[in-house]
C-alpha cells in the first residue's frame, strides 16, 4: 500500500475563514490547530498569493505561543480583493512563508482575479441578467 496518502507533511496545511462580522479588515488570526502544527516555522513576514499569481507581503505577528495574526499588509489585501461580510477565504500554507488563498464571495463561488486586481465572480447569476 502506498504510504504517501498518510504522510501529512506531503500535503499543504489548509484552513478557511468565514467573515461574519466587520472585524477582519485590519488583522486576521490563524486557527490554533494550524499554529500548533506550523507555528514554530512561521516567519515574521509572509506572502499571500491569490489565483492570479499576484502576491502581497503581510506581517505575521505572534501574540503568544498559540496566537498568530496577519497584521501589517492585511488591510491592503482585504481592500485589493474586495473582501466583504459573508465572504470566506481558504488558505493553504505551502511553506517558505507563502500562503495561497482562494476568495469566495457571498454567492459561494470562487472569485477569479485578473492581473489588475479586478475580481469577478465565476457565477454569472451573481450579477443578474439584463
Protein backbone atom coordinates (compact mmCIF):
# COMPACT_ATOMS: atom_id res chain seq x y z
CA UNK A 1 0.00 0.00 0.00
CA UNK A 2 1.30 3.45 -0.92
CA UNK A 3 2.10 5.41 2.23
CA UNK A 4 2.12 8.84 0.55
CA UNK A 5 -1.57 9.40 1.27
CA UNK A 6 -0.93 9.11 5.01
CA UNK A 7 2.02 11.48 5.12
CA UNK A 8 0.58 14.85 6.20
CA UNK A 9 3.91 16.56 5.52
CA UNK A 10 3.37 15.94 1.80
CA UNK A 11 0.15 18.00 1.71
CA UNK A 12 -0.06 21.73 2.35
CA UNK A 13 -1.85 22.72 5.51
CA UNK A 14 -5.20 24.32 4.78
CA UNK A 15 -7.80 26.26 6.74
CA UNK A 16 -10.72 28.53 5.97
CA UNK A 17 -12.13 31.69 7.50
CA UNK A 18 -15.75 32.86 7.21
CA UNK A 19 -16.23 36.60 7.62
CA UNK A 20 -19.43 37.06 9.60
CA UNK A 21 -18.58 40.31 11.35
CA UNK A 22 -16.92 43.52 10.26
CA UNK A 23 -13.80 42.86 12.34
CA UNK A 24 -11.50 41.31 9.76
CA UNK A 25 -10.14 44.26 7.82
CA UNK A 26 -7.12 45.15 9.98
CA UNK A 27 -5.95 41.74 11.19
CA UNK A 28 -6.83 38.07 10.98
CA UNK A 29 -5.98 35.30 13.44
CA UNK A 30 -4.66 31.96 12.28
CA UNK A 31 -6.54 28.98 13.79
CA UNK A 32 -4.83 27.38 16.83
CA UNK A 33 -4.64 23.94 15.16
CA UNK A 34 -2.57 25.44 12.32
CA UNK A 35 -0.36 27.27 14.82
CA UNK A 36 0.21 24.03 16.76
CA UNK A 37 1.37 22.30 13.60
CA UNK A 38 3.37 25.08 11.90
CA UNK A 39 3.77 27.96 14.38
CA UNK A 40 7.37 27.10 15.15
CA UNK A 41 8.31 27.68 11.50
CA UNK A 42 6.13 30.69 10.71
CA UNK A 43 8.26 33.61 9.56
CA UNK A 44 7.76 37.17 10.75
CA UNK A 45 6.86 38.20 7.21
CA UNK A 46 4.69 36.11 4.92
CA UNK A 47 3.43 36.25 1.36
CA UNK A 48 -0.23 35.88 0.40
CA UNK A 49 -0.77 34.71 -3.19
CA UNK A 50 -4.16 34.83 -4.96
CA UNK A 51 -5.27 32.85 -8.03
CA UNK A 52 -3.98 35.47 -10.50
CA UNK A 53 -0.49 34.80 -9.16
CA UNK A 54 -0.24 38.25 -7.58
CA UNK A 55 1.36 38.40 -4.17
CA UNK A 56 1.27 40.70 -1.17
CA UNK A 57 3.61 40.82 1.80
CA UNK A 58 1.97 40.73 5.24
CA UNK A 59 3.37 40.58 8.74
CA UNK A 60 2.72 37.51 10.89
CA UNK A 61 2.59 38.76 14.45
CA UNK A 62 2.90 36.31 17.34
CA UNK A 63 0.85 37.36 20.37
CA UNK A 64 1.65 34.29 22.49
CA UNK A 65 2.55 30.62 21.98
CA UNK A 66 -0.71 29.76 20.22
CA UNK A 67 -1.77 33.03 18.60
CA UNK A 68 -0.54 34.35 15.28
CA UNK A 69 -2.20 37.15 13.35
CA UNK A 70 -1.84 38.57 9.85
CA UNK A 71 -1.33 42.27 10.60
CA UNK A 72 0.62 44.85 8.55
CA UNK A 73 -0.46 44.43 4.93
CA UNK A 74 -3.66 42.54 5.78
CA UNK A 75 -5.83 45.67 5.37
CA UNK A 76 -4.33 46.24 1.91
CA UNK A 77 -5.13 42.64 0.97
CA UNK A 78 -8.78 42.91 2.10
CA UNK A 79 -9.20 46.11 0.10
CA UNK A 80 -7.45 44.73 -3.00
CA UNK A 81 -9.69 41.65 -3.17
CA UNK A 82 -12.87 43.48 -2.16
CA UNK A 83 -13.45 41.31 0.91
CA UNK A 84 -16.89 41.76 2.46
CA UNK A 85 -19.03 40.23 5.19
CA UNK A 86 -20.36 36.83 4.15
CA UNK A 87 -17.29 36.01 2.09
CA UNK A 88 -14.84 33.32 3.03
CA UNK A 89 -11.22 32.54 2.31
CA UNK A 90 -9.42 29.22 2.02
CA UNK A 91 -5.73 29.31 2.92
CA UNK A 92 -3.02 26.78 2.09
CA UNK A 93 0.29 27.16 3.86
CA UNK A 94 2.66 25.77 1.26
CA UNK A 95 5.85 26.56 3.13
CA UNK A 96 8.65 29.04 2.60
CA UNK A 97 6.42 31.77 4.14
CA UNK A 98 3.82 31.50 1.32
CA UNK A 99 0.06 31.21 1.82
CA UNK A 100 -2.04 30.52 -1.27
CA UNK A 101 -5.52 31.99 -0.82
CA UNK A 102 -8.82 31.42 -2.63
CA UNK A 103 -11.51 34.05 -2.12
CA UNK A 104 -15.18 33.03 -2.24
CA UNK A 105 -17.92 35.65 -2.49
CA UNK A 106 -21.25 35.64 -0.70
CA UNK A 107 -22.65 33.53 -3.56
CA UNK A 108 -20.30 30.72 -2.54
CA UNK A 109 -18.44 30.96 -5.84
CA UNK A 110 -14.71 31.44 -6.06
CA UNK A 111 -13.69 34.89 -7.17
CA UNK A 112 -11.34 34.95 -10.14
CA UNK A 113 -8.79 37.74 -10.24
CA UNK A 114 -7.06 39.27 -13.20
CA UNK A 115 -3.54 40.59 -13.00
CA UNK A 116 -5.02 44.04 -12.35
CA UNK A 117 -6.87 43.03 -9.14
CA UNK A 118 -10.34 43.24 -10.70
CA UNK A 119 -12.24 40.41 -9.03
CA UNK A 120 -15.15 38.73 -10.76
CA UNK A 121 -17.49 36.03 -9.56
CA UNK A 122 -17.43 32.81 -11.55
CA UNK A 123 -21.24 32.63 -11.18
CA UNK A 124 -22.95 34.80 -13.87
CA UNK A 125 -26.19 34.85 -11.84
CA UNK A 126 -24.40 36.83 -9.14
CA UNK A 127 -24.76 39.97 -11.24
CA UNK A 128 -28.25 39.32 -12.63
CA UNK A 129 -29.39 39.08 -16.21
CA UNK A 130 -30.40 42.08 -18.29
